[in-house]
Amino acid sequence: MRLSQALISAKVLTSGISLRLREKRDAEDLWNMFGQPLCRRGAVLEPFASAAELQAWLDSLNGHFDTVATVGDRAIGMGGLYLGAGNQSHVGTLVLFIHDDFHRRRIGTLMMSVLLSTADILLGLRRVQLLTFCDNSHAISLYRKFGFEIDGRHECFARRGDTLLPVYSMARLRLDTPTGGDVDSQRSGI
């Protein structure tokens, strides 16, 4: 499912939500968001000790496209597309988090549309992949809506409290895209 830019803009304007590229000033809001119970429950990574630690981790990543959903000046969602290099330059890894207070408002759908349009149109990625806990049925449903399929189950992958839980690796393949062109040159603007 691909939403048109006009439809995305209309939905964003009517809901009071804005989408933009992530900025350093968002670190505090994102750190607070990642500490919310539903976000913590869905996160495979260990929690960050501070907003500064989160920002340092984000700064350490190469080849990424991060967006935030905002209400006013407050970041309430983050979607990232992290690009592979070398013989995996055709691959992007996707992450998506929405603040607990803003679940079920179609923000994830809007952010997925932007991230996947970027993957398809700007970057020409052939594979977009992600990890999600096997018990995260709402996220799995969202990802399936965008063409993601489960391509593996990894037992005891991450700890939630004292329990080791499995995750699904999910991917969306675009085998119909042309193979010509240099993916790395398309990324120069990212």
N, C-alpha and C. Protein backbone atom coordinates (compact mmCIF):
# COMPACT_ATOMS: atom_id res chain seq x y z
N MET A 1 0.85 -1.18 0.00
CA MET A 1 0.00 0.00 0.00
C MET A 1 0.89 1.23 0.00
N ARG A 2 0.71 2.09 -0.97
CA ARG A 2 1.48 3.32 -1.03
C ARG A 2 0.51 4.50 -1.04
N LEU A 3 0.63 5.37 -0.06
CA LEU A 3 -0.24 6.54 0.00
C LEU A 3 0.38 7.67 -0.81
N SER A 4 -0.45 8.44 -1.47
CA SER A 4 0.06 9.59 -2.22
C SER A 4 0.50 10.67 -1.24
N GLN A 5 1.40 11.55 -1.71
CA GLN A 5 1.87 12.65 -0.88
C GLN A 5 0.70 13.55 -0.47
N ALA A 6 -0.26 13.76 -1.37
CA ALA A 6 -1.41 14.61 -1.03
C ALA A 6 -2.24 13.98 0.08
N LEU A 7 -2.44 12.65 0.02
CA LEU A 7 -3.21 11.97 1.06
C LEU A 7 -2.47 12.02 2.39
N ILE A 8 -1.15 11.79 2.35
CA ILE A 8 -0.35 11.87 3.57
C ILE A 8 -0.46 13.27 4.16
N SER A 9 -0.29 14.30 3.33
CA SER A 9 -0.37 15.68 3.82
C SER A 9 -1.73 15.98 4.42
N ALA A 10 -2.80 15.53 3.75
CA ALA A 10 -4.15 15.78 4.26
C ALA A 10 -4.36 15.12 5.61
N LYS A 11 -3.93 13.87 5.75
CA LYS A 11 -4.11 13.17 7.02
C LYS A 11 -3.28 13.83 8.12
N VAL A 12 -2.06 14.25 7.79
CA VAL A 12 -1.20 14.89 8.78
C VAL A 12 -1.82 16.20 9.22
N LEU A 13 -2.29 17.01 8.28
CA LEU A 13 -2.85 18.31 8.63
C LEU A 13 -4.10 18.18 9.47
N THR A 14 -4.97 17.21 9.17
CA THR A 14 -6.21 17.08 9.92
C THR A 14 -6.01 16.46 11.29
N SER A 15 -4.89 15.80 11.51
CA SER A 15 -4.67 15.16 12.81
C SER A 15 -3.79 15.99 13.73
N GLY A 16 -3.24 17.10 13.24
CA GLY A 16 -2.34 17.91 14.07
C GLY A 16 -0.95 17.33 14.20
N ILE A 17 -0.65 16.32 13.43
CA ILE A 17 0.65 15.66 13.46
C ILE A 17 1.49 16.19 12.31
N SER A 18 2.76 16.45 12.55
CA SER A 18 3.69 16.82 11.49
C SER A 18 4.77 15.76 11.39
N LEU A 19 5.28 15.55 10.20
CA LEU A 19 6.41 14.65 9.98
C LEU A 19 7.57 15.47 9.47
N ARG A 20 8.76 15.19 10.00
CA ARG A 20 9.97 15.89 9.56
C ARG A 20 11.18 15.00 9.86
N LEU A 21 12.33 15.42 9.35
CA LEU A 21 13.56 14.70 9.66
C LEU A 21 13.90 14.88 11.14
N ARG A 22 14.49 13.84 11.73
CA ARG A 22 14.90 13.91 13.13
C ARG A 22 16.04 14.92 13.27
N GLU A 23 16.01 15.66 14.38
CA GLU A 23 17.06 16.63 14.70
C GLU A 23 17.60 16.33 16.09
N LYS A 24 18.77 16.87 16.39
CA LYS A 24 19.40 16.64 17.70
C LYS A 24 18.49 17.10 18.85
N ARG A 25 17.72 18.12 18.61
CA ARG A 25 16.83 18.64 19.67
C ARG A 25 15.74 17.65 20.06
N ASP A 26 15.54 16.57 19.29
CA ASP A 26 14.52 15.58 19.57
C ASP A 26 14.97 14.52 20.59
N ALA A 27 16.24 14.51 20.94
CA ALA A 27 16.79 13.43 21.76
C ALA A 27 16.05 13.26 23.08
N GLU A 28 15.74 14.34 23.76
CA GLU A 28 15.05 14.25 25.06
C GLU A 28 13.65 13.65 24.90
N ASP A 29 12.90 14.13 23.92
CA ASP A 29 11.56 13.58 23.67
C ASP A 29 11.64 12.10 23.31
N LEU A 30 12.58 11.73 22.46
CA LEU A 30 12.71 10.33 22.04
C LEU A 30 13.12 9.45 23.21
N TRP A 31 14.03 9.94 24.04
CA TRP A 31 14.46 9.16 25.21
C TRP A 31 13.26 8.92 26.13
N ASN A 32 12.46 9.96 26.36
CA ASN A 32 11.25 9.80 27.18
C ASN A 32 10.27 8.83 26.52
N MET A 33 10.12 8.92 25.19
CA MET A 33 9.22 8.02 24.47
C MET A 33 9.67 6.57 24.63
N PHE A 34 10.97 6.32 24.46
CA PHE A 34 11.48 4.95 24.55
C PHE A 34 11.31 4.37 25.95
N GLY A 35 11.13 5.22 26.96
CA GLY A 35 10.90 4.76 28.32
C GLY A 35 9.45 4.40 28.61
N GLN A 36 8.52 4.70 27.70
CA GLN A 36 7.11 4.39 27.88
C GLN A 36 6.92 2.87 27.88
N PRO A 37 5.96 2.35 28.65
CA PRO A 37 5.79 0.89 28.76
C PRO A 37 5.62 0.15 27.43
N LEU A 38 4.77 0.66 26.53
CA LEU A 38 4.57 -0.05 25.26
C LEU A 38 5.82 0.01 24.39
N CYS A 39 6.49 1.16 24.39
CA CYS A 39 7.74 1.27 23.62
C CYS A 39 8.80 0.33 24.20
N ARG A 40 8.93 0.29 25.50
CA ARG A 40 9.91 -0.60 26.14
C ARG A 40 9.57 -2.05 25.81
N ARG A 41 8.29 -2.37 25.84
CA ARG A 41 7.85 -3.74 25.57
C ARG A 41 8.21 -4.17 24.15
N GLY A 42 8.20 -3.22 23.20
CA GLY A 42 8.49 -3.55 21.82
C GLY A 42 9.94 -3.38 21.40
N ALA A 43 10.78 -2.86 22.29
CA ALA A 43 12.17 -2.56 21.93
C ALA A 43 13.07 -3.77 22.15
N VAL A 44 13.85 -4.07 21.13
CA VAL A 44 14.82 -5.15 21.24
C VAL A 44 16.11 -4.65 21.90
N LEU A 45 16.43 -3.37 21.71
CA LEU A 45 17.63 -2.78 22.31
C LEU A 45 17.45 -2.55 23.81
N GLU A 46 18.57 -2.53 24.51
CA GLU A 46 18.56 -2.15 25.92
C GLU A 46 18.17 -0.68 26.03
N PRO A 47 17.54 -0.28 27.13
CA PRO A 47 17.19 1.14 27.26
C PRO A 47 18.45 2.00 27.38
N PHE A 48 18.35 3.22 26.90
CA PHE A 48 19.45 4.17 27.00
C PHE A 48 19.39 4.83 28.37
N ALA A 49 20.54 5.11 28.96
CA ALA A 49 20.61 5.69 30.30
C ALA A 49 20.22 7.16 30.31
N SER A 50 20.35 7.83 29.17
CA SER A 50 20.05 9.26 29.11
C SER A 50 19.78 9.66 27.66
N ALA A 51 19.24 10.88 27.51
CA ALA A 51 19.03 11.41 26.17
C ALA A 51 20.36 11.59 25.46
N ALA A 52 21.38 11.97 26.19
CA ALA A 52 22.72 12.15 25.60
C ALA A 52 23.27 10.81 25.08
N GLU A 53 23.05 9.73 25.81
CA GLU A 53 23.50 8.41 25.36
C GLU A 53 22.74 7.99 24.09
N LEU A 54 21.45 8.25 24.05
CA LEU A 54 20.66 7.97 22.86
C LEU A 54 21.19 8.77 21.67
N GLN A 55 21.44 10.06 21.87
CA GLN A 55 21.94 10.91 20.79
C GLN A 55 23.31 10.44 20.31
N ALA A 56 24.17 10.04 21.24
CA ALA A 56 25.50 9.54 20.85
C ALA A 56 25.37 8.27 20.01
N TRP A 57 24.44 7.39 20.38
CA TRP A 57 24.23 6.17 19.59
C TRP A 57 23.72 6.52 18.20
N LEU A 58 22.75 7.43 18.10
CA LEU A 58 22.23 7.84 16.79
C LEU A 58 23.33 8.48 15.95
N ASP A 59 24.18 9.30 16.58
CA ASP A 59 25.28 9.95 15.86
C ASP A 59 26.30 8.94 15.34
N SER A 60 26.40 7.78 16.00
CA SER A 60 27.40 6.79 15.61
C SER A 60 26.98 5.97 14.39
N LEU A 61 25.73 6.06 14.01
CA LEU A 61 25.22 5.26 12.89
C LEU A 61 25.55 5.93 11.57
N ASN A 62 25.97 5.13 10.61
CA ASN A 62 26.24 5.62 9.27
C ASN A 62 25.08 5.27 8.36
N GLY A 63 24.83 6.10 7.36
CA GLY A 63 23.83 5.80 6.36
C GLY A 63 22.44 5.58 6.91
N HIS A 64 21.82 6.62 7.41
CA HIS A 64 20.47 6.45 7.95
C HIS A 64 19.58 7.63 7.57
N PHE A 65 18.29 7.35 7.58
CA PHE A 65 17.25 8.33 7.28
C PHE A 65 16.26 8.22 8.43
N ASP A 66 16.24 9.22 9.31
CA ASP A 66 15.37 9.20 10.49
C ASP A 66 14.31 10.29 10.37
N THR A 67 13.08 9.92 10.65
CA THR A 67 11.98 10.88 10.68
C THR A 67 11.36 10.88 12.07
N VAL A 68 10.71 11.98 12.39
CA VAL A 68 9.93 12.03 13.63
C VAL A 68 8.54 12.55 13.30
N ALA A 69 7.59 12.06 14.06
CA ALA A 69 6.24 12.61 14.05
C ALA A 69 6.18 13.55 15.25
N THR A 70 5.61 14.72 15.04
CA THR A 70 5.57 15.71 16.12
C THR A 70 4.15 16.23 16.31
N VAL A 71 3.89 16.64 17.53
CA VAL A 71 2.71 17.42 17.88
C VAL A 71 3.28 18.70 18.47
N GLY A 72 3.07 19.82 17.79
CA GLY A 72 3.75 21.05 18.19
C GLY A 72 5.25 20.84 18.02
N ASP A 73 6.00 21.11 19.07
CA ASP A 73 7.45 20.91 19.04
C ASP A 73 7.87 19.56 19.63
N ARG A 74 6.93 18.75 20.06
CA ARG A 74 7.22 17.51 20.76
C ARG A 74 7.26 16.32 19.80
N ALA A 75 8.38 15.58 19.81
CA ALA A 75 8.50 14.36 19.01
C ALA A 75 7.73 13.25 19.71
N ILE A 76 6.79 12.64 18.99
CA ILE A 76 5.96 11.58 19.57
C ILE A 76 6.07 10.27 18.80
N GLY A 77 6.94 10.25 17.80
CA GLY A 77 7.17 9.02 17.04
C GLY A 77 8.49 9.12 16.30
N MET A 78 9.10 7.99 16.06
CA MET A 78 10.35 7.96 15.31
C MET A 78 10.34 6.77 14.37
N GLY A 79 10.72 7.01 13.14
CA GLY A 79 10.89 5.95 12.17
C GLY A 79 12.25 6.11 11.54
N GLY A 80 12.98 5.03 11.45
CA GLY A 80 14.31 5.09 10.87
C GLY A 80 14.52 4.03 9.81
N LEU A 81 15.32 4.38 8.84
CA LEU A 81 15.72 3.47 7.78
C LEU A 81 17.24 3.48 7.79
N TYR A 82 17.85 2.34 8.13
CA TYR A 82 19.30 2.23 8.29
C TYR A 82 19.84 1.40 7.14
N LEU A 83 20.76 1.99 6.39
CA LEU A 83 21.18 1.46 5.11
C LEU A 83 22.38 0.54 5.21
N GLY A 84 22.30 -0.56 4.47
CA GLY A 84 23.41 -1.49 4.39
C GLY A 84 24.53 -0.91 3.52
N ALA A 85 25.70 -1.50 3.61
CA ALA A 85 26.85 -1.03 2.85
C ALA A 85 27.45 -2.20 2.06
N GLY A 86 28.29 -1.86 1.10
CA GLY A 86 29.00 -2.88 0.33
C GLY A 86 28.03 -3.82 -0.37
N ASN A 87 28.23 -5.13 -0.16
CA ASN A 87 27.38 -6.10 -0.85
C ASN A 87 25.97 -6.17 -0.27
N GLN A 88 25.67 -5.31 0.72
CA GLN A 88 24.29 -5.19 1.23
C GLN A 88 23.75 -3.78 1.02
N SER A 89 24.27 -3.08 0.03
CA SER A 89 23.83 -1.71 -0.23
C SER A 89 22.41 -1.65 -0.77
N HIS A 90 21.84 -2.77 -1.10
CA HIS A 90 20.45 -2.84 -1.58
C HIS A 90 19.46 -3.08 -0.43
N VAL A 91 19.96 -3.11 0.82
CA VAL A 91 19.16 -3.48 1.99
C VAL A 91 19.03 -2.29 2.94
N GLY A 92 17.83 -2.13 3.48
CA GLY A 92 17.60 -1.16 4.55
C GLY A 92 16.93 -1.86 5.71
N THR A 93 17.29 -1.45 6.92
CA THR A 93 16.66 -1.99 8.13
C THR A 93 15.78 -0.89 8.72
N LEU A 94 14.54 -1.23 8.99
CA LEU A 94 13.54 -0.27 9.42
C LEU A 94 13.26 -0.42 10.91
N VAL A 95 13.09 0.71 11.59
CA VAL A 95 12.61 0.74 12.98
C VAL A 95 11.48 1.75 13.07
N LEU A 96 10.55 1.50 13.98
CA LEU A 96 9.40 2.38 14.14
C LEU A 96 8.94 2.33 15.58
N PHE A 97 8.80 3.50 16.19
CA PHE A 97 8.30 3.62 17.56
C PHE A 97 7.34 4.79 17.64
N ILE A 98 6.24 4.60 18.35
CA ILE A 98 5.25 5.64 18.58
C ILE A 98 5.04 5.74 20.09
N HIS A 99 5.00 6.96 20.59
CA HIS A 99 4.75 7.22 22.02
C HIS A 99 3.45 6.52 22.43
N ASP A 100 3.44 5.96 23.63
CA ASP A 100 2.29 5.20 24.12
C ASP A 100 0.98 5.99 24.03
N ASP A 101 1.02 7.29 24.28
CA ASP A 101 -0.19 8.11 24.26
C ASP A 101 -0.76 8.33 22.86
N PHE A 102 -0.02 7.91 21.82
CA PHE A 102 -0.44 8.20 20.45
C PHE A 102 -0.62 6.95 19.60
N HIS A 103 -0.72 5.79 20.24
CA HIS A 103 -0.98 4.55 19.49
C HIS A 103 -2.37 4.59 18.89
N ARG A 104 -2.55 3.86 17.80
CA ARG A 104 -3.82 3.65 17.12
C ARG A 104 -4.41 4.94 16.53
N ARG A 105 -3.52 5.84 16.10
CA ARG A 105 -3.97 7.07 15.44
C ARG A 105 -3.44 7.16 14.01
N ARG A 106 -2.98 6.03 13.47
CA ARG A 106 -2.48 5.91 12.10
C ARG A 106 -1.14 6.62 11.87
N ILE A 107 -0.47 7.01 12.95
CA ILE A 107 0.83 7.65 12.82
C ILE A 107 1.84 6.65 12.26
N GLY A 108 1.79 5.41 12.72
CA GLY A 108 2.68 4.38 12.20
C GLY A 108 2.47 4.17 10.70
N THR A 109 1.23 4.20 10.26
CA THR A 109 0.92 4.05 8.84
C THR A 109 1.54 5.19 8.03
N LEU A 110 1.40 6.41 8.52
CA LEU A 110 1.98 7.57 7.83
C LEU A 110 3.51 7.45 7.76
N MET A 111 4.11 7.10 8.89
CA MET A 111 5.57 7.01 8.92
C MET A 111 6.08 5.87 8.04
N MET A 112 5.37 4.74 8.04
CA MET A 112 5.76 3.63 7.16
C MET A 112 5.69 4.07 5.70
N SER A 113 4.66 4.82 5.34
CA SER A 113 4.52 5.29 3.97
C SER A 113 5.72 6.15 3.56
N VAL A 114 6.13 7.05 4.43
CA VAL A 114 7.28 7.92 4.13
C VAL A 114 8.56 7.10 4.04
N LEU A 115 8.79 6.22 5.00
CA LEU A 115 10.02 5.42 5.00
C LEU A 115 10.10 4.51 3.79
N LEU A 116 9.01 3.87 3.44
CA LEU A 116 9.05 2.95 2.30
C LEU A 116 9.09 3.69 0.97
N SER A 117 8.48 4.86 0.89
CA SER A 117 8.63 5.67 -0.32
C SER A 117 10.07 6.11 -0.49
N THR A 118 10.71 6.46 0.60
CA THR A 118 12.14 6.81 0.55
C THR A 118 12.96 5.62 0.09
N ALA A 119 12.67 4.45 0.66
CA ALA A 119 13.39 3.23 0.29
C ALA A 119 13.23 2.92 -1.20
N ASP A 120 12.00 3.08 -1.71
CA ASP A 120 11.70 2.71 -3.09
C ASP A 120 12.15 3.76 -4.09
N ILE A 121 11.75 5.00 -3.86
CA ILE A 121 11.93 6.05 -4.86
C ILE A 121 13.31 6.68 -4.79
N LEU A 122 13.73 7.08 -3.60
CA LEU A 122 15.01 7.78 -3.47
C LEU A 122 16.21 6.84 -3.44
N LEU A 123 16.05 5.69 -2.80
CA LEU A 123 17.20 4.82 -2.58
C LEU A 123 17.21 3.57 -3.45
N GLY A 124 16.10 3.21 -4.04
CA GLY A 124 16.04 2.02 -4.87
C GLY A 124 16.38 0.73 -4.14
N LEU A 125 16.01 0.65 -2.87
CA LEU A 125 16.32 -0.55 -2.09
C LEU A 125 15.50 -1.73 -2.56
N ARG A 126 16.10 -2.89 -2.56
CA ARG A 126 15.42 -4.11 -2.99
C ARG A 126 14.84 -4.87 -1.80
N ARG A 127 15.44 -4.71 -0.62
CA ARG A 127 15.00 -5.41 0.58
C ARG A 127 14.94 -4.40 1.73
N VAL A 128 13.80 -4.38 2.41
CA VAL A 128 13.67 -3.64 3.66
C VAL A 128 13.30 -4.67 4.71
N GLN A 129 14.03 -4.67 5.81
CA GLN A 129 13.85 -5.70 6.84
C GLN A 129 13.68 -5.06 8.21
N LEU A 130 13.18 -5.86 9.14
CA LEU A 130 12.99 -5.38 10.51
C LEU A 130 12.89 -6.58 11.43
N LEU A 131 12.95 -6.30 12.73
CA LEU A 131 12.72 -7.30 13.77
C LEU A 131 11.54 -6.84 14.61
N THR A 132 10.72 -7.79 15.03
CA THR A 132 9.63 -7.48 15.95
C THR A 132 9.38 -8.69 16.84
N PHE A 133 9.04 -8.43 18.09
CA PHE A 133 8.71 -9.53 18.99
C PHE A 133 7.51 -10.30 18.43
N CYS A 134 7.54 -11.61 18.59
CA CYS A 134 6.49 -12.47 18.05
C CYS A 134 5.12 -12.18 18.67
N ASP A 135 5.08 -11.60 19.87
CA ASP A 135 3.80 -11.31 20.52
C ASP A 135 3.28 -9.90 20.22
N ASN A 136 3.94 -9.17 19.33
CA ASN A 136 3.54 -7.80 18.99
C ASN A 136 2.60 -7.83 17.78
N SER A 137 1.38 -8.32 18.00
CA SER A 137 0.44 -8.55 16.91
C SER A 137 0.05 -7.27 16.17
N HIS A 138 -0.04 -6.13 16.87
CA HIS A 138 -0.41 -4.88 16.20
C HIS A 138 0.68 -4.44 15.23
N ALA A 139 1.94 -4.54 15.65
CA ALA A 139 3.05 -4.18 14.75
C ALA A 139 3.11 -5.14 13.57
N ILE A 140 2.96 -6.42 13.82
CA ILE A 140 3.01 -7.41 12.75
C ILE A 140 1.91 -7.12 11.73
N SER A 141 0.72 -6.78 12.20
CA SER A 141 -0.38 -6.45 11.30
C SER A 141 -0.05 -5.22 10.44
N LEU A 142 0.52 -4.19 11.05
CA LEU A 142 0.93 -2.99 10.31
C LEU A 142 1.95 -3.35 9.25
N TYR A 143 2.97 -4.11 9.62
CA TYR A 143 4.03 -4.45 8.67
C TYR A 143 3.49 -5.30 7.52
N ARG A 144 2.59 -6.22 7.82
CA ARG A 144 1.99 -7.05 6.75
C ARG A 144 1.20 -6.17 5.77
N LYS A 145 0.55 -5.13 6.29
CA LYS A 145 -0.22 -4.23 5.43
C LYS A 145 0.67 -3.58 4.37
N PHE A 146 1.95 -3.45 4.68
CA PHE A 146 2.91 -2.84 3.75
C PHE A 146 3.73 -3.88 2.99
N GLY A 147 3.29 -5.12 3.01
CA GLY A 147 3.94 -6.15 2.21
C GLY A 147 5.06 -6.91 2.88
N PHE A 148 5.26 -6.72 4.17
CA PHE A 148 6.30 -7.47 4.88
C PHE A 148 5.80 -8.88 5.16
N GLU A 149 6.71 -9.83 5.05
CA GLU A 149 6.41 -11.21 5.36
C GLU A 149 7.44 -11.72 6.37
N ILE A 150 7.01 -12.65 7.18
CA ILE A 150 7.92 -13.27 8.15
C ILE A 150 8.90 -14.15 7.37
N ASP A 151 10.20 -13.90 7.59
CA ASP A 151 11.16 -14.77 6.91
C ASP A 151 12.06 -15.50 7.90
N GLY A 152 11.74 -15.40 9.19
CA GLY A 152 12.47 -16.18 10.17
C GLY A 152 11.98 -15.92 11.58
N ARG A 153 12.19 -16.88 12.44
CA ARG A 153 11.86 -16.76 13.86
C ARG A 153 13.13 -17.07 14.62
N HIS A 154 13.47 -16.20 15.54
CA HIS A 154 14.71 -16.34 16.30
C HIS A 154 14.37 -16.49 17.78
N GLU A 155 14.54 -17.69 18.28
CA GLU A 155 14.20 -18.00 19.68
C GLU A 155 15.19 -17.33 20.63
N CYS A 156 14.71 -17.01 21.83
CA CYS A 156 15.55 -16.43 22.90
C CYS A 156 16.38 -15.26 22.40
N PHE A 157 15.79 -14.40 21.58
CA PHE A 157 16.55 -13.33 20.93
C PHE A 157 16.83 -12.16 21.86
N ALA A 158 15.85 -11.77 22.66
CA ALA A 158 16.01 -10.60 23.52
C ALA A 158 15.28 -10.84 24.84
N ARG A 159 15.75 -10.15 25.84
CA ARG A 159 15.18 -10.28 27.17
C ARG A 159 14.15 -9.18 27.41
N ARG A 160 13.03 -9.56 27.96
CA ARG A 160 12.04 -8.62 28.47
C ARG A 160 11.84 -9.01 29.93
N GLY A 161 12.39 -8.19 30.83
CA GLY A 161 12.40 -8.57 32.24
C GLY A 161 13.29 -9.79 32.41
N ASP A 162 12.75 -10.85 32.99
CA ASP A 162 13.51 -12.08 33.19
C ASP A 162 13.24 -13.13 32.12
N THR A 163 12.47 -12.77 31.11
CA THR A 163 12.06 -13.74 30.10
C THR A 163 12.79 -13.50 28.79
N LEU A 164 13.31 -14.59 28.20
CA LEU A 164 13.91 -14.52 26.87
C LEU A 164 12.82 -14.79 25.85
N LEU A 165 12.66 -13.88 24.91
CA LEU A 165 11.56 -13.95 23.95
C LEU A 165 12.06 -14.10 22.52
N PRO A 166 11.22 -14.71 21.68
CA PRO A 166 11.57 -14.82 20.26
C PRO A 166 11.16 -13.56 19.50
N VAL A 167 11.84 -13.32 18.40
CA VAL A 167 11.46 -12.26 17.47
C VAL A 167 11.28 -12.86 16.09
N TYR A 168 10.47 -12.18 15.30
CA TYR A 168 10.38 -12.49 13.87
C TYR A 168 11.30 -11.53 13.14
N SER A 169 12.00 -12.05 12.16
CA SER A 169 12.59 -11.16 11.17
C SER A 169 11.58 -11.11 10.05
N MET A 170 11.27 -9.89 9.63
CA MET A 170 10.30 -9.69 8.56
C MET A 170 10.99 -8.88 7.47
N ALA A 171 10.57 -9.10 6.24
CA ALA A 171 11.16 -8.36 5.12
C ALA A 171 10.12 -8.13 4.05
N ARG A 172 10.37 -7.06 3.32
CA ARG A 172 9.60 -6.74 2.12
C ARG A 172 10.60 -6.68 0.98
N LEU A 173 10.38 -7.52 -0.03
CA LEU A 173 11.29 -7.58 -1.17
C LEU A 173 10.66 -6.85 -2.35
N ARG A 174 11.48 -6.14 -3.09
CA ARG A 174 11.06 -5.46 -4.32
C ARG A 174 11.92 -5.99 -5.45
N LEU A 175 11.55 -7.11 -5.97
CA LEU A 175 12.35 -7.75 -7.01
C LEU A 175 12.06 -7.17 -8.39
N ASP A 176 11.03 -6.34 -8.48
CA ASP A 176 10.66 -5.76 -9.77
C ASP A 176 11.41 -4.48 -10.10
N THR A 177 12.22 -3.96 -9.17
CA THR A 177 12.92 -2.71 -9.43
C THR A 177 14.14 -2.97 -10.30
N PRO A 178 14.50 -2.00 -11.14
CA PRO A 178 15.67 -2.18 -12.01
C PRO A 178 16.94 -2.32 -11.18
N THR A 179 17.87 -3.09 -11.70
CA THR A 179 19.13 -3.29 -10.98
C THR A 179 20.19 -2.29 -11.40
N GLY A 180 19.92 -1.49 -12.41
CA GLY A 180 20.91 -0.53 -12.88
C GLY A 180 21.09 0.60 -11.89
N GLY A 181 22.20 1.29 -12.01
CA GLY A 181 22.46 2.44 -11.16
C GLY A 181 23.20 2.05 -9.90
N ASP A 182 23.85 3.02 -9.35
CA ASP A 182 24.65 2.81 -8.16
C ASP A 182 23.87 3.28 -6.95
N VAL A 183 23.47 2.36 -6.08
CA VAL A 183 22.68 2.69 -4.90
C VAL A 183 23.41 3.70 -4.03
N ASP A 184 24.74 3.55 -3.91
CA ASP A 184 25.49 4.47 -3.06
C ASP A 184 25.42 5.90 -3.58
N SER A 185 25.39 6.11 -4.89
CA SER A 185 25.30 7.47 -5.42
C SER A 185 23.92 8.08 -5.15
N GLN A 186 22.88 7.22 -5.08
CA GLN A 186 21.54 7.71 -4.77
C GLN A 186 21.45 8.18 -3.32
N ARG A 187 22.33 7.69 -2.47
CA ARG A 187 22.31 8.02 -1.05
C ARG A 187 23.01 9.31 -0.72
N SER A 188 23.68 9.90 -1.67
CA SER A 188 24.49 11.09 -1.38
C SER A 188 23.67 12.20 -0.75
N GLY A 189 22.37 12.25 -1.04
CA GLY A 189 21.52 13.28 -0.47
C GLY A 189 20.97 12.93 0.89
N ILE A 190 21.22 11.72 1.39
CA ILE A 190 20.66 11.29 2.67
C ILE A 190 21.63 11.61 3.78
